[in-house]
Protein backbone atom coordinates (compact mmCIF):
# COMPACT_ATOMS: atom_id res chain seq x y z
CA MET A 1 33.97 -7.76 6.98
CA PRO A 2 31.79 -4.67 6.28
CA THR A 3 28.56 -4.20 8.19
CA PRO A 4 25.56 -5.47 6.18
CA HIS A 5 23.40 -2.52 5.12
CA VAL A 6 19.72 -3.23 4.41
CA LEU A 7 17.68 -0.58 2.60
CA ILE A 8 13.93 -0.91 3.17
CA LEU A 9 11.66 0.91 0.77
CA GLY A 10 8.95 1.48 3.31
CA GLY A 11 5.70 3.11 4.27
CA THR A 12 3.73 -0.02 5.17
CA THR A 13 3.08 -1.79 8.45
CA GLU A 14 5.27 -4.67 7.29
CA ALA A 15 8.13 -2.28 6.54
CA ARG A 16 8.01 -0.89 10.09
CA ARG A 17 7.91 -4.40 11.54
CA LEU A 18 10.92 -5.46 9.48
CA ALA A 19 12.89 -2.35 10.45
CA ALA A 20 12.15 -3.01 14.12
CA VAL A 21 13.42 -6.59 13.86
CA LEU A 22 16.56 -5.69 11.90
CA ALA A 23 17.41 -2.74 14.14
CA GLN A 24 17.71 -5.18 17.06
CA ARG A 25 20.19 -7.38 15.21
CA ALA A 26 23.79 -6.69 16.17
CA GLY A 27 26.01 -5.89 13.21
CA VAL A 28 23.18 -4.94 10.81
CA ARG A 29 22.63 -1.40 9.56
CA VAL A 30 19.06 -0.70 8.47
CA THR A 31 17.78 2.34 6.59
CA THR A 32 14.13 2.88 5.74
CA SER A 33 13.27 5.17 2.85
CA LEU A 34 9.90 6.94 2.93
CA ALA A 35 8.40 8.70 -0.06
CA GLY A 36 7.33 11.66 2.05
CA ARG A 37 3.68 11.71 0.98
CA VAL A 38 2.49 11.56 4.60
CA THR A 39 3.63 14.47 6.73
CA ARG A 40 3.41 12.57 10.05
CA PRO A 41 4.48 8.97 9.39
CA GLY A 42 4.57 6.45 12.21
CA ALA A 43 7.79 5.88 14.13
CA VAL A 44 10.38 3.73 12.34
CA ALA A 45 13.35 1.97 13.95
CA GLY A 46 16.84 2.50 12.56
CA GLU A 47 17.90 5.18 10.11
CA VAL A 48 15.26 6.99 8.05
CA ARG A 49 15.51 8.98 4.83
CA VAL A 50 12.62 10.86 3.25
CA GLY A 51 12.05 11.64 -0.43
CA GLY A 52 12.65 10.08 -3.81
CA PHE A 53 15.94 8.93 -5.31
CA GLY A 54 15.48 10.35 -8.79
CA GLY A 55 14.35 7.19 -10.56
CA ALA A 56 16.13 3.89 -11.02
CA LYS A 57 19.51 5.42 -11.85
CA GLY A 58 19.35 7.71 -8.83
CA LEU A 59 18.52 4.74 -6.61
CA ALA A 60 21.38 2.75 -8.14
CA GLY A 61 23.78 5.57 -7.33
CA TRP A 62 22.54 5.71 -3.74
CA LEU A 63 22.97 1.95 -3.35
CA ARG A 64 26.59 2.23 -4.46
CA GLU A 65 27.36 5.32 -2.35
CA GLN A 66 25.86 3.83 0.80
CA ALA A 67 27.28 0.33 0.25
CA VAL A 68 23.85 -1.27 0.44
CA SER A 69 23.96 -5.05 0.75
CA VAL A 70 20.31 -5.80 -0.05
CA VAL A 71 17.16 -3.86 -0.93
CA VAL A 72 13.81 -4.86 0.53
CA ASP A 73 10.86 -3.37 -1.35
CA ALA A 74 8.15 -3.27 1.32
CA THR A 75 6.09 -0.54 -0.32
CA HIS A 76 2.34 -0.61 -0.89
CA PRO A 77 1.21 -3.27 -3.41
CA PHE A 78 0.08 -0.46 -5.73
CA ALA A 79 3.41 1.40 -5.69
CA ALA A 80 4.25 -0.07 -9.09
CA GLY A 81 6.63 2.71 -10.12
CA ILE A 82 8.80 2.29 -7.03
CA THR A 83 8.93 -1.48 -7.50
CA ALA A 84 9.93 -1.09 -11.15
CA ASN A 85 12.69 1.35 -10.19
CA ALA A 86 13.92 -1.00 -7.46
CA ALA A 87 14.10 -3.90 -9.89
CA GLU A 88 16.02 -1.83 -12.43
CA ALA A 89 18.42 -0.45 -9.80
CA ALA A 90 19.08 -3.95 -8.51
CA ALA A 91 19.87 -5.09 -12.03
CA LEU A 92 22.20 -2.12 -12.60
CA THR A 93 24.15 -2.65 -9.37
CA GLY A 94 23.91 -6.36 -8.69
CA VAL A 95 22.45 -5.63 -5.25
CA PRO A 96 19.94 -8.36 -4.33
CA LEU A 97 16.27 -7.32 -4.19
CA VAL A 98 13.63 -8.90 -1.96
CA VAL A 99 10.00 -7.83 -2.46
CA LEU A 100 7.73 -8.08 0.58
CA ARG A 101 4.06 -8.22 -0.43
CA ARG A 102 1.28 -9.21 1.92
CA PRO A 103 -1.13 -11.66 0.24
CA GLY A 104 -4.10 -10.18 -1.54
CA TRP A 105 -7.67 -10.61 -0.35
CA ARG A 106 -9.89 -13.45 -1.52
CA PRO A 107 -13.70 -13.33 -1.66
CA VAL A 108 -15.68 -15.54 0.69
CA PRO A 109 -19.32 -16.65 0.54
CA GLY A 110 -21.61 -13.65 0.84
CA ASP A 111 -19.23 -11.20 -0.84
CA ARG A 112 -20.57 -9.20 -3.79
CA TRP A 113 -17.29 -8.30 -5.43
CA HIS A 114 -16.82 -6.63 -8.80
CA THR A 115 -13.12 -6.97 -9.64
CA VAL A 116 -11.61 -4.45 -12.07
CA GLY A 117 -8.17 -3.64 -13.39
CA SER A 118 -7.94 0.09 -12.71
CA LEU A 119 -9.51 3.09 -10.99
CA ASP A 120 -10.94 4.19 -14.35
CA ALA A 121 -12.66 0.82 -14.67
CA ALA A 122 -13.94 1.16 -11.10
CA ALA A 123 -15.48 4.51 -12.00
CA ARG A 124 -17.27 2.94 -14.97
CA GLU A 125 -18.85 0.36 -12.66
CA LEU A 126 -20.33 2.81 -10.19
CA PRO A 127 -23.35 4.27 -12.03
CA ARG A 128 -25.03 0.85 -12.16
CA LEU A 129 -24.14 -0.13 -8.58
CA GLY A 130 -25.03 2.86 -6.43
CA ARG A 131 -25.03 6.61 -5.92
CA ARG A 132 -23.47 6.86 -2.46
CA VAL A 133 -19.91 5.54 -2.56
CA PHE A 134 -17.39 4.89 0.20
CA LEU A 135 -14.10 5.45 -1.64
CA THR A 136 -11.11 3.95 0.20
CA THR A 137 -8.49 4.01 -2.55
CA GLY A 138 -6.26 6.65 -0.95
CA ARG A 139 -6.02 10.41 -1.28
CA VAL A 140 -4.33 10.56 -4.68
CA HIS A 141 -5.60 9.60 -8.14
CA LEU A 142 -9.18 10.58 -7.36
CA ALA A 143 -9.36 12.30 -10.75
CA ALA A 144 -10.68 9.00 -12.14
CA PHE A 145 -13.95 9.73 -10.32
CA ALA A 146 -14.13 13.51 -10.83
CA HIS A 147 -16.52 13.27 -13.80
CA LEU A 148 -19.21 11.45 -11.80
CA THR A 149 -21.30 14.49 -10.93
CA ASP A 150 -24.37 12.53 -9.80
CA THR A 151 -22.46 10.31 -7.37
CA HIS A 152 -21.95 11.24 -3.72
CA PHE A 153 -18.51 10.17 -2.50
CA VAL A 154 -17.25 9.66 1.03
CA VAL A 155 -13.44 9.54 1.00
CA ARG A 156 -11.33 8.50 3.97
CA SER A 157 -7.64 9.28 4.16
CA VAL A 158 -4.95 10.24 6.66
CA GLU A 159 -4.48 13.64 5.01
CA PRO A 160 -6.72 15.76 2.74
CA PRO A 161 -7.11 14.31 -0.78
CA GLU A 162 -5.45 15.90 -3.78
CA PRO A 163 -7.44 17.54 -6.58
CA PRO A 164 -9.01 17.14 -9.07
CA LEU A 165 -11.85 15.72 -6.98
CA PRO A 166 -15.46 14.67 -7.51
CA PRO A 167 -17.85 17.59 -6.97
CA ARG A 168 -20.00 15.81 -4.40
CA LEU A 169 -17.49 14.82 -1.78
CA GLU A 170 -17.25 14.30 1.98
CA VAL A 171 -13.82 13.71 3.53
CA ILE A 172 -13.15 11.68 6.67
CA LEU A 173 -9.64 12.29 8.04
CA ALA A 174 -8.69 9.24 10.07
CA ARG A 175 -5.86 6.76 10.51
CA GLY A 176 -6.57 3.05 10.86
CA PRO A 177 -6.70 0.28 11.69
CA PHE A 178 -10.50 0.20 11.91
CA THR A 179 -12.70 -2.48 13.43
CA VAL A 180 -15.72 -4.07 11.78
CA ALA A 181 -17.89 -2.03 14.15
CA ASP A 182 -16.11 1.17 13.03
CA GLU A 183 -16.64 0.37 9.37
CA THR A 184 -20.25 -0.68 9.84
CA ALA A 185 -20.96 2.62 11.59
CA VAL A 186 -19.44 4.62 8.70
CA LEU A 187 -21.40 2.67 6.08
CA ARG A 188 -24.65 3.15 7.95
CA GLU A 189 -24.13 6.77 8.98
CA HIS A 190 -23.34 7.87 5.43
CA ARG A 191 -25.98 5.61 3.85
CA ILE A 192 -23.37 3.99 1.63
CA ASP A 193 -24.61 1.62 -1.08
CA VAL A 194 -21.27 0.64 -2.70
CA LEU A 195 -17.67 0.37 -1.47
CA VAL A 196 -14.61 0.94 -3.68
CA THR A 197 -11.21 -0.32 -2.56
CA LYS A 198 -7.84 -1.47 -3.83
CA ASP A 199 -6.69 -5.02 -3.12
CA SER A 200 -4.08 -3.91 -0.62
CA GLY A 201 -4.46 -7.13 1.35
CA GLY A 202 -3.66 -7.65 5.01
CA GLU A 203 -5.70 -7.69 8.18
CA ALA A 204 -5.36 -4.01 9.04
CA THR A 205 -7.72 -2.81 6.31
CA ALA A 206 -9.92 -5.87 5.80
CA ALA A 207 -12.67 -4.88 8.28
CA LYS A 208 -14.46 -2.77 5.67
CA LEU A 209 -14.90 -5.88 3.50
CA THR A 210 -16.49 -7.75 6.39
CA ALA A 211 -18.77 -4.81 7.13
CA ALA A 212 -19.85 -4.56 3.50
CA ARG A 213 -20.52 -8.29 3.35
CA GLU A 214 -22.62 -8.22 6.51
CA LEU A 215 -24.65 -5.30 5.12
CA GLY A 216 -25.03 -6.95 1.72
CA LEU A 217 -23.24 -4.14 -0.14
CA PRO A 218 -21.43 -4.52 -3.46
CA VAL A 219 -17.68 -3.92 -3.43
CA VAL A 220 -15.59 -2.78 -6.38
CA VAL A 221 -12.09 -4.22 -5.90
CA VAL A 222 -9.19 -2.89 -7.98
CA ARG A 223 -6.66 -5.61 -8.80
CA ARG A 224 -2.99 -5.12 -7.98
CA PRO A 225 -0.54 -4.22 -10.74
CA PRO A 226 1.69 -7.15 -11.69
CA LEU A 227 5.23 -7.41 -10.38
CA PRO A 228 8.13 -7.03 -12.84
CA GLU A 229 8.97 -10.34 -14.53
CA SER A 230 12.35 -10.53 -12.79
CA VAL A 231 10.79 -10.24 -9.31
CA THR A 232 9.25 -12.78 -6.97
CA ALA A 233 7.69 -11.82 -3.66
CA VAL A 234 7.65 -13.14 -0.10
CA PRO A 235 4.45 -12.71 1.94
CA ASP A 236 5.73 -11.60 5.34
CA VAL A 237 8.60 -10.42 7.51
CA ALA A 238 9.59 -14.01 8.33
CA GLY A 239 10.02 -14.68 4.61
CA VAL A 240 12.33 -11.68 4.27
CA LEU A 241 14.45 -12.77 7.22
CA GLU A 242 14.78 -16.22 5.69
CA ARG A 243 15.90 -14.72 2.37
CA LEU A 244 18.45 -12.61 4.23
CA GLY A 245 19.72 -15.59 6.19
CA LEU A 246 18.59 -13.96 9.45
CA SER A 247 15.69 -16.23 10.34
CA ARG A 248 17.64 -17.46 13.37
CA GLY A 249 19.48 -15.63 16.05
């Protein structure tokens, strides 16, 4: 019987956790694919490949060549293009696809959320909410905010953001996770009056929401893109292991 080969489309904390668990299982080959957008990614157990596949057809070809048994899409909840390609490649090859998505955030009493469907919509909200913005949507796609010349932005990312950028911009280069105390200090030090974030979910990046709530600040939250119709998601590593029949042993 051939060795089961699991391909993890990675880059998230959950992807690293899953790779670590699978790499310890005897008789399971695990490969994690990273997009390569971060030059110094965290350590990943098992085999690692870096770079794109060339769309859905390229991924399908790789699945066949490498005798992949199952694909686990554990990418960021906003990596809609990768998820769409994974779904199409799975359909083309018949290789099962499991999507791992941490649950999204939910507002609690005291939150002042303004939920929008895109970064462009987030930008339209800002002029009426504040002029000093903590922008935590990642280092790409900041062009949506580049036309806001009267708004002062503080952007935090692991690596320098990509242009085009807003003209009034401060960059904080840092890697999380951050505590509530860390986030409160940033909001106070930079005199932030509105936070913008994507609904990435999870505990690792939720401290900024708590800090904003405690300071009474409004938060613009960008909704996640929907999953392809053919795809259902599991919320955690345990759910993936159950789908793979590896929840025991």
